[in-house]
Amino acid sequence: MEDLTGKLRERARELGLELFGTAPAEAMEEHAGTPIDWMDWKSMVSPGEYLTDAKSFVVTGVPAPGPAWDTATRLNQGWTYPGYYPLEMATWRLADDLRDLGHRVYAHPLNISRKILGRLAGFGPFGKSSLILHPDYGPRFRIATLLTDVELDYYAPAEGDPCGDCTACIDQCPTGAIEPYRIRPADCLITHLVSGKAPRPDLLEAVSPELAPGVRVMCRVCQDVCPAGRS
């Protein structure tokens, strides 16, 4: 297990995936059925609904330091983020490597929380923004995941409170969507946009201006004001 995990970690680095971790699939079982308000999904599901005999998650990530990562284009009733494509394609290639070794893989399971998986994979604990705060990047990174049927050497989950007395994300959220360690999806501008809901036009233009028809920079205030990972 350790040998395969090490090989995957090195391959991830070759593919430009700076963040890498693993977590047991069973660790997500307790979250199955947790309500979510994200597009048409109603709750998180068990890993077994994506892959029978699921054993492990591989969690990858890359830094996302600026707004280029959060430039979104309109696609049908929702939005897509072109900046995420290199991360997703590199993670697909990692999935292909596992398949070549004879393992079954499901790439990018949607309604299993990537944030929870990032914490379980050791990327960092949750901050008051409800985002993972990585020691080097703060909340300014993006995550992709794979689910596979092989056991791996698992990383230690991140623990602790990285925020202390800081409330910058709460104080400066333009929609007041953040309370300590929780975000209210009904008030979050990104959730509204990605789900096809319509927030107040004046707020939308102030926080997420349209660069061209169907092209916006999504709100990232909670990430930009966070001091974590700035040193």
C-alpha atoms as a PDB file:
ATOM      1  CA  MET A   1       0.000   0.000   0.000  1.00  0.00           C
ATOM      2  CA  GLU A   2       2.731   2.430   0.967  1.00  0.00           C
ATOM      3  CA  ASP A   3       4.673   1.708  -2.233  1.00  0.00           C
ATOM      4  CA  LEU A   4       1.642   2.361  -4.444  1.00  0.00           C
ATOM      5  CA  THR A   5       0.757   5.515  -2.519  1.00  0.00           C
ATOM      6  CA  GLY A   6       4.299   6.809  -2.974  1.00  0.00           C
ATOM      7  CA  LYS A   7       4.204   6.101  -6.705  1.00  0.00           C
ATOM      8  CA  LEU A   8       0.897   7.925  -7.035  1.00  0.00           C
ATOM      9  CA  ARG A   9       2.283  10.884  -5.101  1.00  0.00           C
ATOM     10  CA  GLU A  10       5.314  11.130  -7.386  1.00  0.00           C
ATOM     11  CA  ARG A  11       3.151  10.767 -10.485  1.00  0.00           C
ATOM     12  CA  ALA A  12       0.882  13.531  -9.218  1.00  0.00           C
ATOM     13  CA  ARG A  13       3.868  15.835  -8.920  1.00  0.00           C
ATOM     14  CA  GLU A  14       4.948  14.977 -12.461  1.00  0.00           C
ATOM     15  CA  LEU A  15       1.466  15.983 -13.623  1.00  0.00           C
ATOM     16  CA  GLY A  16       1.691  19.350 -11.835  1.00  0.00           C
ATOM     17  CA  LEU A  17      -0.602  18.408  -8.952  1.00  0.00           C
ATOM     18  CA  GLU A  18       1.135  20.134  -6.051  1.00  0.00           C
ATOM     19  CA  LEU A  19      -1.259  18.848  -3.404  1.00  0.00           C
ATOM     20  CA  PHE A  20      -1.762  15.151  -2.831  1.00  0.00           C
ATOM     21  CA  GLY A  21      -3.368  13.061  -0.116  1.00  0.00           C
ATOM     22  CA  THR A  22      -5.449   9.971   0.506  1.00  0.00           C
ATOM     23  CA  ALA A  23      -8.384   9.021   2.717  1.00  0.00           C
ATOM     24  CA  PRO A  24     -10.318   5.793   3.373  1.00  0.00           C
ATOM     25  CA  ALA A  25     -13.650   5.592   1.596  1.00  0.00           C
ATOM     26  CA  GLU A  26     -15.353   4.424   4.792  1.00  0.00           C
ATOM     27  CA  ALA A  27     -14.579   7.788   6.399  1.00  0.00           C
ATOM     28  CA  MET A  28     -17.194   9.361   4.125  1.00  0.00           C
ATOM     29  CA  GLU A  29     -19.934   6.891   5.009  1.00  0.00           C
ATOM     30  CA  GLU A  30     -21.004   8.927   8.046  1.00  0.00           C
ATOM     31  CA  HIS A  31     -21.665  11.905   5.774  1.00  0.00           C
ATOM     32  CA  ALA A  32     -23.969  10.020   3.383  1.00  0.00           C
ATOM     33  CA  GLY A  33     -27.420  11.558   3.554  1.00  0.00           C
ATOM     34  CA  THR A  34     -26.147  14.962   4.725  1.00  0.00           C
ATOM     35  CA  PRO A  35     -28.400  17.579   3.086  1.00  0.00           C
ATOM     36  CA  ILE A  36     -26.753  19.827   0.516  1.00  0.00           C
ATOM     37  CA  ASP A  37     -28.061  22.747  -1.505  1.00  0.00           C
ATOM     38  CA  TRP A  38     -26.018  22.530  -4.675  1.00  0.00           C
ATOM     39  CA  MET A  39     -27.694  22.513  -8.084  1.00  0.00           C
ATOM     40  CA  ASP A  40     -30.178  19.610  -8.167  1.00  0.00           C
ATOM     41  CA  TRP A  41     -28.402  17.426  -5.592  1.00  0.00           C
ATOM     42  CA  LYS A  42     -30.304  16.915  -2.357  1.00  0.00           C
ATOM     43  CA  SER A  43     -27.786  15.076  -0.196  1.00  0.00           C
ATOM     44  CA  MET A  44     -24.363  13.494  -0.174  1.00  0.00           C
ATOM     45  CA  VAL A  45     -24.194   9.839  -1.118  1.00  0.00           C
ATOM     46  CA  SER A  46     -22.200   6.816  -0.048  1.00  0.00           C
ATOM     47  CA  PRO A  47     -18.965   6.158  -1.993  1.00  0.00           C
ATOM     48  CA  GLY A  48     -20.403   2.739  -2.826  1.00  0.00           C
ATOM     49  CA  GLU A  49     -23.028   4.400  -5.003  1.00  0.00           C
ATOM     50  CA  TYR A  50     -20.229   5.462  -7.338  1.00  0.00           C
ATOM     51  CA  LEU A  51     -17.989   2.408  -7.057  1.00  0.00           C
ATOM     52  CA  THR A  52     -18.809  -0.956  -5.532  1.00  0.00           C
ATOM     53  CA  ASP A  53     -16.141  -2.194  -3.114  1.00  0.00           C
ATOM     54  CA  ALA A  54     -14.758   1.349  -2.835  1.00  0.00           C
ATOM     55  CA  LYS A  55     -11.689   1.463  -0.597  1.00  0.00           C
ATOM     56  CA  SER A  56      -9.861   4.751  -1.013  1.00  0.00           C
ATOM     57  CA  PHE A  57     -10.038   8.356  -2.126  1.00  0.00           C
ATOM     58  CA  VAL A  58      -7.097  10.025  -3.816  1.00  0.00           C
ATOM     59  CA  VAL A  59      -7.269  13.783  -3.308  1.00  0.00           C
ATOM     60  CA  THR A  60      -5.305  16.171  -5.522  1.00  0.00           C
ATOM     61  CA  GLY A  61      -5.037  19.922  -5.708  1.00  0.00           C
ATOM     62  CA  VAL A  62      -3.360  22.991  -7.163  1.00  0.00           C
ATOM     63  CA  PRO A  63      -2.962  26.587  -5.944  1.00  0.00           C
ATOM     64  CA  ALA A  64      -5.565  29.072  -7.177  1.00  0.00           C
ATOM     65  CA  PRO A  65      -4.054  32.403  -6.138  1.00  0.00           C
ATOM     66  CA  GLY A  66      -6.014  34.818  -8.298  1.00  0.00           C
ATOM     67  CA  PRO A  67      -9.335  35.552  -9.979  1.00  0.00           C
ATOM     68  CA  ALA A  68      -8.408  33.823 -13.245  1.00  0.00           C
ATOM     69  CA  TRP A  69      -9.282  30.556 -11.502  1.00  0.00           C
ATOM     70  CA  ASP A  70     -12.757  31.833 -10.743  1.00  0.00           C
ATOM     71  CA  THR A  71     -13.637  33.186 -14.161  1.00  0.00           C
ATOM     72  CA  ALA A  72     -16.752  31.263 -15.169  1.00  0.00           C
ATOM     73  CA  THR A  73     -18.663  30.921 -18.419  1.00  0.00           C
ATOM     74  CA  ARG A  74     -22.381  30.293 -18.760  1.00  0.00           C
ATOM     75  CA  LEU A  75     -23.227  26.733 -19.812  1.00  0.00           C
ATOM     76  CA  ASN A  76     -26.904  25.889 -20.306  1.00  0.00           C
ATOM     77  CA  GLN A  77     -28.540  26.625 -16.917  1.00  0.00           C
ATOM     78  CA  GLY A  78     -25.303  26.685 -14.911  1.00  0.00           C
ATOM     79  CA  TRP A  79     -21.696  27.821 -15.034  1.00  0.00           C
ATOM     80  CA  THR A  80     -18.393  26.135 -15.808  1.00  0.00           C
ATOM     81  CA  TYR A  81     -14.891  27.133 -14.717  1.00  0.00           C
ATOM     82  CA  PRO A  82     -12.299  26.731 -17.533  1.00  0.00           C
ATOM     83  CA  GLY A  83      -9.473  27.327 -15.053  1.00  0.00           C
ATOM     84  CA  TYR A  84     -10.283  23.992 -13.413  1.00  0.00           C
ATOM     85  CA  TYR A  85      -9.749  21.964 -16.588  1.00  0.00           C
ATOM     86  CA  PRO A  86      -5.966  21.410 -16.189  1.00  0.00           C
ATOM     87  CA  LEU A  87      -6.535  20.127 -12.623  1.00  0.00           C
ATOM     88  CA  GLU A  88      -9.326  17.845 -13.765  1.00  0.00           C
ATOM     89  CA  MET A  89      -7.414  16.510 -16.778  1.00  0.00           C
ATOM     90  CA  ALA A  90      -4.262  15.822 -14.734  1.00  0.00           C
ATOM     91  CA  THR A  91      -6.365  13.950 -12.193  1.00  0.00           C
ATOM     92  CA  TRP A  92      -7.962  11.949 -15.019  1.00  0.00           C
ATOM     93  CA  ARG A  93      -4.452  10.928 -16.100  1.00  0.00           C
ATOM     94  CA  LEU A  94      -3.720   9.775 -12.556  1.00  0.00           C
ATOM     95  CA  ALA A  95      -6.918   7.726 -12.739  1.00  0.00           C
ATOM     96  CA  ASP A  96      -5.714   6.167 -15.991  1.00  0.00           C
ATOM     97  CA  ASP A  97      -2.471   5.136 -14.277  1.00  0.00           C
ATOM     98  CA  LEU A  98      -4.475   3.288 -11.617  1.00  0.00           C
ATOM     99  CA  ARG A  99      -6.587   1.603 -14.295  1.00  0.00           C
ATOM    100  CA  ASP A 100      -3.431   0.496 -16.093  1.00  0.00           C
ATOM    101  CA  LEU A 101      -2.450  -1.275 -12.878  1.00  0.00           C
ATOM    102  CA  GLY A 102      -5.748  -3.160 -12.931  1.00  0.00           C
ATOM    103  CA  HIS A 103      -7.685  -1.091 -10.392  1.00  0.00           C
ATOM    104  CA  ARG A 104     -11.193   0.279 -10.785  1.00  0.00           C
ATOM    105  CA  VAL A 105     -11.509   4.046 -10.522  1.00  0.00           C
ATOM    106  CA  TYR A 106     -14.301   6.623 -10.496  1.00  0.00           C
ATOM    107  CA  ALA A 107     -13.020  10.133 -11.198  1.00  0.00           C
ATOM    108  CA  HIS A 108     -14.582  13.305  -9.823  1.00  0.00           C
ATOM    109  CA  PRO A 109     -17.578  11.960  -7.844  1.00  0.00           C
ATOM    110  CA  LEU A 110     -19.818  15.002  -7.647  1.00  0.00           C
ATOM    111  CA  ASN A 111     -21.990  14.880  -4.572  1.00  0.00           C
ATOM    112  CA  ILE A 112     -19.351  13.719  -2.141  1.00  0.00           C
ATOM    113  CA  SER A 113     -17.806  16.745  -0.435  1.00  0.00           C
ATOM    114  CA  ARG A 114     -14.369  17.620  -1.740  1.00  0.00           C
ATOM    115  CA  LYS A 115     -13.904  19.943   1.212  1.00  0.00           C
ATOM    116  CA  ILE A 116     -14.390  17.131   3.707  1.00  0.00           C
ATOM    117  CA  LEU A 117     -12.090  14.896   1.672  1.00  0.00           C
ATOM    118  CA  GLY A 118      -9.429  17.612   1.612  1.00  0.00           C
ATOM    119  CA  ARG A 119      -9.460  17.793   5.399  1.00  0.00           C
ATOM    120  CA  LEU A 120      -9.340  13.996   5.702  1.00  0.00           C
ATOM    121  CA  ALA A 121      -6.381  13.953   3.283  1.00  0.00           C
ATOM    122  CA  GLY A 122      -4.455  16.375   5.487  1.00  0.00           C
ATOM    123  CA  PHE A 123      -4.686  19.535   3.359  1.00  0.00           C
ATOM    124  CA  GLY A 124      -5.737  21.625   6.343  1.00  0.00           C
ATOM    125  CA  PRO A 125      -8.488  22.165   8.921  1.00  0.00           C
ATOM    126  CA  PHE A 126     -11.670  24.104   8.286  1.00  0.00           C
ATOM    127  CA  GLY A 127     -11.610  27.840   8.857  1.00  0.00           C
ATOM    128  CA  LYS A 128     -14.480  30.083   9.875  1.00  0.00           C
ATOM    129  CA  SER A 129     -15.284  30.521   6.176  1.00  0.00           C
ATOM    130  CA  SER A 130     -16.063  26.764   6.057  1.00  0.00           C
ATOM    131  CA  LEU A 131     -13.148  26.486   3.599  1.00  0.00           C
ATOM    132  CA  ILE A 132     -10.020  24.413   4.218  1.00  0.00           C
ATOM    133  CA  LEU A 133      -7.065  26.575   5.212  1.00  0.00           C
ATOM    134  CA  HIS A 134      -3.873  25.057   3.816  1.00  0.00           C
ATOM    135  CA  PRO A 135      -0.682  26.105   5.650  1.00  0.00           C
ATOM    136  CA  ASP A 136       0.911  27.401   2.425  1.00  0.00           C
ATOM    137  CA  TYR A 137      -2.082  28.527   0.350  1.00  0.00           C
ATOM    138  CA  GLY A 138      -4.786  29.347   2.875  1.00  0.00           C
ATOM    139  CA  PRO A 139      -8.158  28.839   1.137  1.00  0.00           C
ATOM    140  CA  ARG A 140      -6.694  29.661  -2.289  1.00  0.00           C
ATOM    141  CA  PHE A 141      -6.434  26.215  -3.866  1.00  0.00           C
ATOM    142  CA  ARG A 142      -8.720  23.815  -5.693  1.00  0.00           C
ATOM    143  CA  ILE A 143      -9.372  20.107  -5.174  1.00  0.00           C
ATOM    144  CA  ALA A 144     -10.153  17.102  -7.370  1.00  0.00           C
ATOM    145  CA  THR A 145     -10.825  13.541  -6.217  1.00  0.00           C
ATOM    146  CA  LEU A 146     -10.667   9.925  -7.357  1.00  0.00           C
ATOM    147  CA  LEU A 147     -12.374   6.921  -5.819  1.00  0.00           C
ATOM    148  CA  THR A 148     -10.703   3.517  -6.232  1.00  0.00           C
ATOM    149  CA  ASP A 149     -11.069  -0.073  -5.106  1.00  0.00           C
ATOM    150  CA  VAL A 150      -7.494  -0.474  -3.790  1.00  0.00           C
ATOM    151  CA  GLU A 151      -6.373   0.181  -0.227  1.00  0.00           C
ATOM    152  CA  LEU A 152      -3.709   2.876   0.138  1.00  0.00           C
ATOM    153  CA  ASP A 153      -1.544   4.328   2.875  1.00  0.00           C
ATOM    154  CA  TYR A 154      -3.766   7.031   4.365  1.00  0.00           C
ATOM    155  CA  TYR A 155      -2.823  10.532   5.385  1.00  0.00           C
ATOM    156  CA  ALA A 156      -3.678  11.904   8.820  1.00  0.00           C
ATOM    157  CA  PRO A 157      -6.758  14.178   8.855  1.00  0.00           C
ATOM    158  CA  ALA A 158      -6.032  17.837   9.554  1.00  0.00           C
ATOM    159  CA  GLU A 159      -7.157  19.053  12.963  1.00  0.00           C
ATOM    160  CA  GLY A 160      -7.204  22.284  14.923  1.00  0.00           C
ATOM    161  CA  ASP A 161      -8.567  25.825  14.694  1.00  0.00           C
ATOM    162  CA  PRO A 162      -6.516  27.893  12.236  1.00  0.00           C
ATOM    163  CA  CYS A 163      -8.447  31.148  12.695  1.00  0.00           C
ATOM    164  CA  GLY A 164      -8.155  32.182  16.326  1.00  0.00           C
ATOM    165  CA  ASP A 165      -9.851  35.537  16.786  1.00  0.00           C
ATOM    166  CA  CYS A 166      -9.830  36.440  13.064  1.00  0.00           C
ATOM    167  CA  THR A 167     -13.272  37.153  11.562  1.00  0.00           C
ATOM    168  CA  ALA A 168     -12.219  38.777   8.265  1.00  0.00           C
ATOM    169  CA  CYS A 169     -14.290  36.420   6.083  1.00  0.00           C
ATOM    170  CA  ILE A 170     -17.401  36.881   8.224  1.00  0.00           C
ATOM    171  CA  ASP A 171     -17.039  40.661   8.408  1.00  0.00           C
ATOM    172  CA  GLN A 172     -16.425  41.180   4.690  1.00  0.00           C
ATOM    173  CA  CYS A 173     -18.734  38.631   3.058  1.00  0.00           C
ATOM    174  CA  PRO A 174     -20.872  40.856   0.800  1.00  0.00           C
ATOM    175  CA  THR A 175     -24.026  38.785   1.321  1.00  0.00           C
ATOM    176  CA  GLY A 176     -23.562  37.980   5.009  1.00  0.00           C
ATOM    177  CA  ALA A 177     -23.592  34.280   4.159  1.00  0.00           C
ATOM    178  CA  ILE A 178     -20.896  33.200   6.615  1.00  0.00           C
ATOM    179  CA  GLU A 179     -21.242  32.350  10.255  1.00  0.00           C
ATOM    180  CA  PRO A 180     -18.381  30.706  12.160  1.00  0.00           C
ATOM    181  CA  TYR A 181     -17.394  27.445  10.423  1.00  0.00           C
ATOM    182  CA  ARG A 182     -20.566  27.365   8.347  1.00  0.00           C
ATOM    183  CA  ILE A 183     -21.807  28.961   5.151  1.00  0.00           C
ATOM    184  CA  ARG A 184     -25.485  29.394   4.428  1.00  0.00           C
ATOM    185  CA  PRO A 185     -25.987  28.212   0.823  1.00  0.00           C
ATOM    186  CA  ALA A 186     -29.206  30.208   0.444  1.00  0.00           C
ATOM    187  CA  ASP A 187     -27.212  33.437   0.963  1.00  0.00           C
ATOM    188  CA  CYS A 188     -23.989  32.562  -0.865  1.00  0.00           C
ATOM    189  CA  LEU A 189     -23.620  34.297  -4.207  1.00  0.00           C
ATOM    190  CA  ILE A 190     -21.676  31.440  -5.816  1.00  0.00           C
ATOM    191  CA  THR A 191     -24.299  28.880  -4.818  1.00  0.00           C
ATOM    192  CA  HIS A 192     -27.000  31.063  -6.343  1.00  0.00           C
ATOM    193  CA  LEU A 193     -25.141  31.479  -9.611  1.00  0.00           C
ATOM    194  CA  VAL A 194     -24.052  27.869 -10.045  1.00  0.00           C
ATOM    195  CA  SER A 195     -27.491  26.560  -9.156  1.00  0.00           C
ATOM    196  CA  GLY A 196     -29.151  28.898 -11.637  1.00  0.00           C
ATOM    197  CA  LYS A 197     -30.810  31.016  -8.937  1.00  0.00           C
ATOM    198  CA  ALA A 198     -30.991  34.767  -9.402  1.00  0.00           C
ATOM    199  CA  PRO A 199     -29.447  36.988  -6.697  1.00  0.00           C
ATOM    200  CA  ARG A 200     -30.145  40.727  -6.540  1.00  0.00           C
ATOM    201  CA  PRO A 201     -28.831  42.282  -9.776  1.00  0.00           C
ATOM    202  CA  ASP A 202     -27.133  45.186  -7.982  1.00  0.00           C
ATOM    203  CA  LEU A 203     -25.260  42.816  -5.676  1.00  0.00           C
ATOM    204  CA  LEU A 204     -24.366  40.521  -8.555  1.00  0.00           C
ATOM    205  CA  GLU A 205     -22.765  43.323 -10.557  1.00  0.00           C
ATOM    206  CA  ALA A 206     -20.908  44.685  -7.531  1.00  0.00           C
ATOM    207  CA  VAL A 207     -19.417  41.361  -6.472  1.00  0.00           C
ATOM    208  CA  SER A 208     -19.264  39.325  -9.686  1.00  0.00           C
ATOM    209  CA  PRO A 209     -19.067  41.706 -12.654  1.00  0.00           C
ATOM    210  CA  GLU A 210     -19.783  40.461 -16.153  1.00  0.00           C
ATOM    211  CA  LEU A 211     -16.613  40.637 -18.252  1.00  0.00           C
ATOM    212  CA  ALA A 212     -18.449  39.687 -21.432  1.00  0.00           C
ATOM    213  CA  PRO A 213     -21.852  38.151 -22.186  1.00  0.00           C
ATOM    214  CA  GLY A 214     -21.988  34.946 -20.166  1.00  0.00           C
ATOM    215  CA  VAL A 215     -18.551  35.454 -18.552  1.00  0.00           C
ATOM    216  CA  ARG A 216     -18.105  36.430 -14.899  1.00  0.00           C
ATOM    217  CA  VAL A 217     -15.464  36.450 -12.203  1.00  0.00           C
ATOM    218  CA  MET A 218     -17.193  34.656  -9.357  1.00  0.00           C
ATOM    219  CA  CYS A 219     -17.153  36.023  -5.834  1.00  0.00           C
ATOM    220  CA  ARG A 220     -14.007  35.090  -3.890  1.00  0.00           C
ATOM    221  CA  VAL A 221     -14.041  37.722  -1.157  1.00  0.00           C
ATOM    222  CA  CYS A 222     -13.733  35.171   1.666  1.00  0.00           C
ATOM    223  CA  GLN A 223     -10.601  33.782   0.007  1.00  0.00           C
ATOM    224  CA  ASP A 224      -9.003  37.126  -0.831  1.00  0.00           C
ATOM    225  CA  VAL A 225      -9.381  38.623   2.649  1.00  0.00           C
ATOM    226  CA  CYS A 226      -8.165  35.516   4.489  1.00  0.00           C
ATOM    227  CA  PRO A 227      -4.658  36.052   5.951  1.00  0.00           C
ATOM    228  CA  ALA A 228      -3.899  32.311   6.101  1.00  0.00           C
ATOM    229  CA  GLY A 229      -1.077  31.249   3.793  1.00  0.00           C
ATOM    230  CA  ARG A 230       0.071  34.830   3.198  1.00  0.00           C
ATOM    231  CA  SER A 231       3.344  34.660   5.103  1.00  0.00           C
END
